[in-house]
Amino acid sequence: MNKVGVMPFPYPNPEHLEPLFRHEVLKLLKKGEKITGAVIENMIQLVMIQPVMNHSVM
């Protein structure tokens, strides 16, 4: 901890955040009925998106 009582935190690695961000965006789009599970599956297959949390979006 520093003098102010705040523990420094390392800057997050964008490579680790990207799959989580992608998962959340797809989940929100599906929840808002903007895309379907089939569209998500096609995106995963075509773009080779690695889903987070074992397809919990679908």
PDB file of N, CA and C in Angstrom:
ATOM      1  N   MET A   1       0.837  -1.190   0.000  1.00  0.00           N
ATOM      2  CA  MET A   1       0.000   0.000   0.000  1.00  0.00           C
ATOM      3  C   MET A   1       0.872   1.240   0.000  1.00  0.00           C
ATOM      4  N   ASN A   2       0.338   2.282  -0.586  1.00  0.00           N
ATOM      5  CA  ASN A   2       1.071   3.547  -0.581  1.00  0.00           C
ATOM      6  C   ASN A   2       0.618   4.406   0.596  1.00  0.00           C
ATOM      7  N   LYS A   3       1.093   5.623   0.683  1.00  0.00           N
ATOM      8  CA  LYS A   3       0.813   6.506   1.818  1.00  0.00           C
ATOM      9  C   LYS A   3      -0.671   6.861   1.950  1.00  0.00           C
ATOM     10  N   VAL A   4      -1.394   6.830   0.845  1.00  0.00           N
ATOM     11  CA  VAL A   4      -2.805   7.199   0.859  1.00  0.00           C
ATOM     12  C   VAL A   4      -3.675   6.015   1.276  1.00  0.00           C
ATOM     13  N   GLY A   5      -3.113   4.824   1.325  1.00  0.00           N
ATOM     14  CA  GLY A   5      -3.875   3.637   1.692  1.00  0.00           C
ATOM     15  C   GLY A   5      -4.473   2.916   0.509  1.00  0.00           C
ATOM     16  N   VAL A   6      -3.988   3.224  -0.680  1.00  0.00           N
ATOM     17  CA  VAL A   6      -4.497   2.593  -1.896  1.00  0.00           C
ATOM     18  C   VAL A   6      -3.456   1.612  -2.401  1.00  0.00           C
ATOM     19  N   MET A   7      -3.882   0.399  -2.672  1.00  0.00           N
ATOM     20  CA  MET A   7      -2.972  -0.602  -3.189  1.00  0.00           C
ATOM     21  C   MET A   7      -2.898  -0.471  -4.710  1.00  0.00           C
ATOM     22  N   PRO A   8      -1.695  -0.328  -5.272  1.00  0.00           N
ATOM     23  CA  PRO A   8      -1.585  -0.222  -6.736  1.00  0.00           C
ATOM     24  C   PRO A   8      -2.017  -1.524  -7.397  1.00  0.00           C
ATOM     25  N   PHE A   9      -2.613  -1.371  -8.535  1.00  0.00           N
ATOM     26  CA  PHE A   9      -3.095  -2.518  -9.303  1.00  0.00           C
ATOM     27  C   PHE A   9      -2.441  -2.478 -10.675  1.00  0.00           C
ATOM     28  N   PRO A  10      -1.931  -3.606 -11.162  1.00  0.00           N
ATOM     29  CA  PRO A  10      -1.278  -3.593 -12.478  1.00  0.00           C
ATOM     30  C   PRO A  10      -2.285  -3.282 -13.596  1.00  0.00           C
ATOM     31  N   TYR A  11      -1.794  -2.613 -14.623  1.00  0.00           N
ATOM     32  CA  TYR A  11      -2.631  -2.281 -15.771  1.00  0.00           C
ATOM     33  C   TYR A  11      -3.116  -3.569 -16.432  1.00  0.00           C
ATOM     34  N   PRO A  12      -4.427  -3.707 -16.722  1.00  0.00           N
ATOM     35  CA  PRO A  12      -4.932  -4.949 -17.311  1.00  0.00           C
ATOM     36  C   PRO A  12      -4.402  -5.171 -18.728  1.00  0.00           C
ATOM     37  N   ASN A  13      -4.168  -6.407 -19.047  1.00  0.00           N
ATOM     38  CA  ASN A  13      -3.711  -6.796 -20.379  1.00  0.00           C
ATOM     39  C   ASN A  13      -4.925  -6.826 -21.318  1.00  0.00           C
ATOM     40  N   PRO A  14      -4.920  -6.043 -22.404  1.00  0.00           N
ATOM     41  CA  PRO A  14      -6.054  -6.034 -23.335  1.00  0.00           C
ATOM     42  C   PRO A  14      -6.370  -7.406 -23.920  1.00  0.00           C
ATOM     43  N   GLU A  15      -5.367  -8.243 -24.076  1.00  0.00           N
ATOM     44  CA  GLU A  15      -5.608  -9.585 -24.612  1.00  0.00           C
ATOM     45  C   GLU A  15      -6.463 -10.414 -23.665  1.00  0.00           C
ATOM     46  N   HIS A  16      -6.409 -10.130 -22.390  1.00  0.00           N
ATOM     47  CA  HIS A  16      -7.228 -10.849 -21.422  1.00  0.00           C
ATOM     48  C   HIS A  16      -8.631 -10.268 -21.328  1.00  0.00           C
ATOM     49  N   LEU A  17      -8.754  -8.986 -21.588  1.00  0.00           N
ATOM     50  CA  LEU A  17     -10.054  -8.322 -21.489  1.00  0.00           C
ATOM     51  C   LEU A  17     -10.911  -8.492 -22.741  1.00  0.00           C
ATOM     52  N   GLU A  18     -10.286  -8.665 -23.884  1.00  0.00           N
ATOM     53  CA  GLU A  18     -11.026  -8.733 -25.145  1.00  0.00           C
ATOM     54  C   GLU A  18     -12.071  -9.851 -25.177  1.00  0.00           C
ATOM     55  N   PRO A  19     -11.748 -11.087 -24.789  1.00  0.00           N
ATOM     56  CA  PRO A  19     -12.780 -12.128 -24.816  1.00  0.00           C
ATOM     57  C   PRO A  19     -13.944 -11.836 -23.868  1.00  0.00           C
ATOM     58  N   LEU A  20     -13.664 -11.246 -22.723  1.00  0.00           N
ATOM     59  CA  LEU A  20     -14.737 -10.895 -21.787  1.00  0.00           C
ATOM     60  C   LEU A  20     -15.630  -9.803 -22.361  1.00  0.00           C
ATOM     61  N   PHE A  21     -15.007  -8.798 -22.993  1.00  0.00           N
ATOM     62  CA  PHE A  21     -15.766  -7.720 -23.616  1.00  0.00           C
ATOM     63  C   PHE A  21     -16.649  -8.282 -24.734  1.00  0.00           C
ATOM     64  N   ARG A  22     -16.063  -9.136 -25.568  1.00  0.00           N
ATOM     65  CA  ARG A  22     -16.806  -9.741 -26.682  1.00  0.00           C
ATOM     66  C   ARG A  22     -17.992 -10.534 -26.150  1.00  0.00           C
ATOM     67  N   HIS A  23     -17.772 -11.309 -25.104  1.00  0.00           N
ATOM     68  CA  HIS A  23     -18.840 -12.103 -24.508  1.00  0.00           C
ATOM     69  C   HIS A  23     -19.980 -11.207 -24.026  1.00  0.00           C
ATOM     70  N   GLU A  24     -19.630 -10.128 -23.330  1.00  0.00           N
ATOM     71  CA  GLU A  24     -20.654  -9.224 -22.801  1.00  0.00           C
ATOM     72  C   GLU A  24     -21.435  -8.539 -23.914  1.00  0.00           C
ATOM     73  N   VAL A  25     -20.750  -8.135 -24.968  1.00  0.00           N
ATOM     74  CA  VAL A  25     -21.432  -7.484 -26.097  1.00  0.00           C
ATOM     75  C   VAL A  25     -22.407  -8.458 -26.754  1.00  0.00           C
ATOM     76  N   LEU A  26     -21.955  -9.682 -27.011  1.00  0.00           N
ATOM     77  CA  LEU A  26     -22.839 -10.673 -27.630  1.00  0.00           C
ATOM     78  C   LEU A  26     -24.018 -11.003 -26.719  1.00  0.00           C
ATOM     79  N   LYS A  27     -23.768 -11.086 -25.421  1.00  0.00           N
ATOM     80  CA  LYS A  27     -24.836 -11.377 -24.470  1.00  0.00           C
ATOM     81  C   LYS A  27     -25.881 -10.259 -24.480  1.00  0.00           C
ATOM     82  N   LEU A  28     -25.428  -9.003 -24.503  1.00  0.00           N
ATOM     83  CA  LEU A  28     -26.358  -7.872 -24.537  1.00  0.00           C
ATOM     84  C   LEU A  28     -27.152  -7.831 -25.839  1.00  0.00           C
ATOM     85  N   LEU A  29     -26.488  -8.105 -26.952  1.00  0.00           N
ATOM     86  CA  LEU A  29     -27.194  -8.110 -28.237  1.00  0.00           C
ATOM     87  C   LEU A  29     -28.250  -9.213 -28.284  1.00  0.00           C
ATOM     88  N   LYS A  30     -27.915 -10.366 -27.732  1.00  0.00           N
ATOM     89  CA  LYS A  30     -28.889 -11.459 -27.715  1.00  0.00           C
ATOM     90  C   LYS A  30     -30.041 -11.137 -26.779  1.00  0.00           C
ATOM     91  N   LYS A  31     -29.724 -10.596 -25.606  1.00  0.00           N
ATOM     92  CA  LYS A  31     -30.768 -10.234 -24.645  1.00  0.00           C
ATOM     93  C   LYS A  31     -31.719  -9.198 -25.233  1.00  0.00           C
ATOM     94  N   GLY A  32     -31.183  -8.259 -26.002  1.00  0.00           N
ATOM     95  CA  GLY A  32     -32.000  -7.241 -26.653  1.00  0.00           C
ATOM     96  C   GLY A  32     -32.646  -7.716 -27.937  1.00  0.00           C
ATOM     97  N   GLU A  33     -32.517  -8.997 -28.226  1.00  0.00           N
ATOM     98  CA  GLU A  33     -33.086  -9.635 -29.417  1.00  0.00           C
ATOM     99  C   GLU A  33     -32.608  -8.988 -30.710  1.00  0.00           C
ATOM    100  N   LYS A  34     -31.358  -8.515 -30.696  1.00  0.00           N
ATOM    101  CA  LYS A  34     -30.761  -7.945 -31.905  1.00  0.00           C
ATOM    102  C   LYS A  34     -30.085  -9.034 -32.737  1.00  0.00           C
ATOM    103  N   ILE A  35     -29.637 -10.103 -32.078  1.00  0.00           N
ATOM    104  CA  ILE A  35     -29.057 -11.249 -32.759  1.00  0.00           C
ATOM    105  C   ILE A  35     -29.569 -12.518 -32.080  1.00  0.00           C
ATOM    106  N   THR A  36     -29.406 -13.649 -32.772  1.00  0.00           N
ATOM    107  CA  THR A  36     -29.846 -14.935 -32.234  1.00  0.00           C
ATOM    108  C   THR A  36     -28.641 -15.801 -31.907  1.00  0.00           C
ATOM    109  N   GLY A  37     -28.904 -16.898 -31.226  1.00  0.00           N
ATOM    110  CA  GLY A  37     -27.855 -17.862 -30.929  1.00  0.00           C
ATOM    111  C   GLY A  37     -27.210 -18.394 -32.196  1.00  0.00           C
ATOM    112  N   ALA A  38     -28.002 -18.540 -33.257  1.00  0.00           N
ATOM    113  CA  ALA A  38     -27.465 -19.026 -34.534  1.00  0.00           C
ATOM    114  C   ALA A  38     -26.463 -18.027 -35.111  1.00  0.00           C
ATOM    115  N   VAL A  39     -26.753 -16.741 -34.995  1.00  0.00           N
ATOM    116  CA  VAL A  39     -25.829 -15.713 -35.483  1.00  0.00           C
ATOM    117  C   VAL A  39     -24.533 -15.761 -34.684  1.00  0.00           C
ATOM    118  N   ILE A  40     -24.649 -15.924 -33.378  1.00  0.00           N
ATOM    119  CA  ILE A  40     -23.458 -16.016 -32.539  1.00  0.00           C
ATOM    120  C   ILE A  40     -22.631 -17.226 -32.934  1.00  0.00           C
ATOM    121  N   GLU A  41     -23.267 -18.359 -33.145  1.00  0.00           N
ATOM    122  CA  GLU A  41     -22.548 -19.564 -33.564  1.00  0.00           C
ATOM    123  C   GLU A  41     -21.829 -19.339 -34.892  1.00  0.00           C
ATOM    124  N   ASN A  42     -22.503 -18.684 -35.844  1.00  0.00           N
ATOM    125  CA  ASN A  42     -21.875 -18.390 -37.137  1.00  0.00           C
ATOM    126  C   ASN A  42     -20.664 -17.482 -36.957  1.00  0.00           C
ATOM    127  N   MET A  43     -20.786 -16.492 -36.096  1.00  0.00           N
ATOM    128  CA  MET A  43     -19.654 -15.598 -35.850  1.00  0.00           C
ATOM    129  C   MET A  43     -18.483 -16.362 -35.247  1.00  0.00           C
ATOM    130  N   ILE A  44     -18.786 -17.248 -34.315  1.00  0.00           N
ATOM    131  CA  ILE A  44     -17.736 -18.042 -33.682  1.00  0.00           C
ATOM    132  C   ILE A  44     -17.020 -18.892 -34.721  1.00  0.00           C
ATOM    133  N   GLN A  45     -17.784 -19.509 -35.616  1.00  0.00           N
ATOM    134  CA  GLN A  45     -17.192 -20.381 -36.641  1.00  0.00           C
ATOM    135  C   GLN A  45     -16.444 -19.582 -37.702  1.00  0.00           C
ATOM    136  N   LEU A  46     -16.994 -18.479 -38.158  1.00  0.00           N
ATOM    137  CA  LEU A  46     -16.386 -17.724 -39.251  1.00  0.00           C
ATOM    138  C   LEU A  46     -15.190 -16.890 -38.818  1.00  0.00           C
ATOM    139  N   VAL A  47     -15.282 -16.282 -37.664  1.00  0.00           N
ATOM    140  CA  VAL A  47     -14.250 -15.367 -37.206  1.00  0.00           C
ATOM    141  C   VAL A  47     -13.359 -16.038 -36.158  1.00  0.00           C
ATOM    142  N   MET A  48     -13.718 -17.225 -35.774  1.00  0.00           N
ATOM    143  CA  MET A  48     -12.987 -17.988 -34.775  1.00  0.00           C
ATOM    144  C   MET A  48     -12.937 -17.235 -33.456  1.00  0.00           C
ATOM    145  N   ILE A  49     -14.074 -16.707 -33.049  1.00  0.00           N
ATOM    146  CA  ILE A  49     -14.189 -16.032 -31.755  1.00  0.00           C
ATOM    147  C   ILE A  49     -14.186 -17.104 -30.679  1.00  0.00           C
ATOM    148  N   GLN A  50     -13.354 -16.925 -29.683  1.00  0.00           N
ATOM    149  CA  GLN A  50     -13.317 -17.842 -28.557  1.00  0.00           C
ATOM    150  C   GLN A  50     -14.335 -17.385 -27.527  1.00  0.00           C
ATOM    151  N   PRO A  51     -15.454 -18.098 -27.395  1.00  0.00           N
ATOM    152  CA  PRO A  51     -16.446 -17.662 -26.416  1.00  0.00           C
ATOM    153  C   PRO A  51     -15.949 -17.866 -24.995  1.00  0.00           C
ATOM    154  N   VAL A  52     -16.442 -17.037 -24.110  1.00  0.00           N
ATOM    155  CA  VAL A  52     -16.094 -17.131 -22.701  1.00  0.00           C
ATOM    156  C   VAL A  52     -17.247 -17.817 -21.985  1.00  0.00           C
ATOM    157  N   MET A  53     -16.955 -18.584 -20.991  1.00  0.00           N
ATOM    158  CA  MET A  53     -17.960 -19.233 -20.149  1.00  0.00           C
ATOM    159  C   MET A  53     -18.762 -20.292 -20.892  1.00  0.00           C
ATOM    160  N   ASN A  54     -18.164 -21.049 -21.746  1.00  0.00           N
ATOM    161  CA  ASN A  54     -18.782 -22.218 -22.367  1.00  0.00           C
ATOM    162  C   ASN A  54     -20.148 -21.949 -23.001  1.00  0.00           C
ATOM    163  N   HIS A  55     -20.228 -21.003 -23.885  1.00  0.00           N
ATOM    164  CA  HIS A  55     -21.449 -20.690 -24.651  1.00  0.00           C
ATOM    165  C   HIS A  55     -22.604 -20.245 -23.770  1.00  0.00           C
ATOM    166  N   SER A  56     -22.345 -19.650 -22.619  1.00  0.00           N
ATOM    167  CA  SER A  56     -23.426 -19.240 -21.750  1.00  0.00           C
ATOM    168  C   SER A  56     -24.260 -18.107 -22.361  1.00  0.00           C
ATOM    169  N   VAL A  57     -23.780 -17.536 -23.465  1.00  0.00           N
ATOM    170  CA  VAL A  57     -24.537 -16.487 -24.154  1.00  0.00           C
ATOM    171  C   VAL A  57     -25.716 -17.089 -24.880  1.00  0.00           C
ATOM    172  N   MET A  58     -25.537 -18.303 -25.388  1.00  0.00           N
ATOM    173  CA  MET A  58     -26.559 -18.909 -26.220  1.00  0.00           C
ATOM    174  C   MET A  58     -27.703 -19.454 -25.463  1.00  0.00           C
TER     175      MET A  58
END
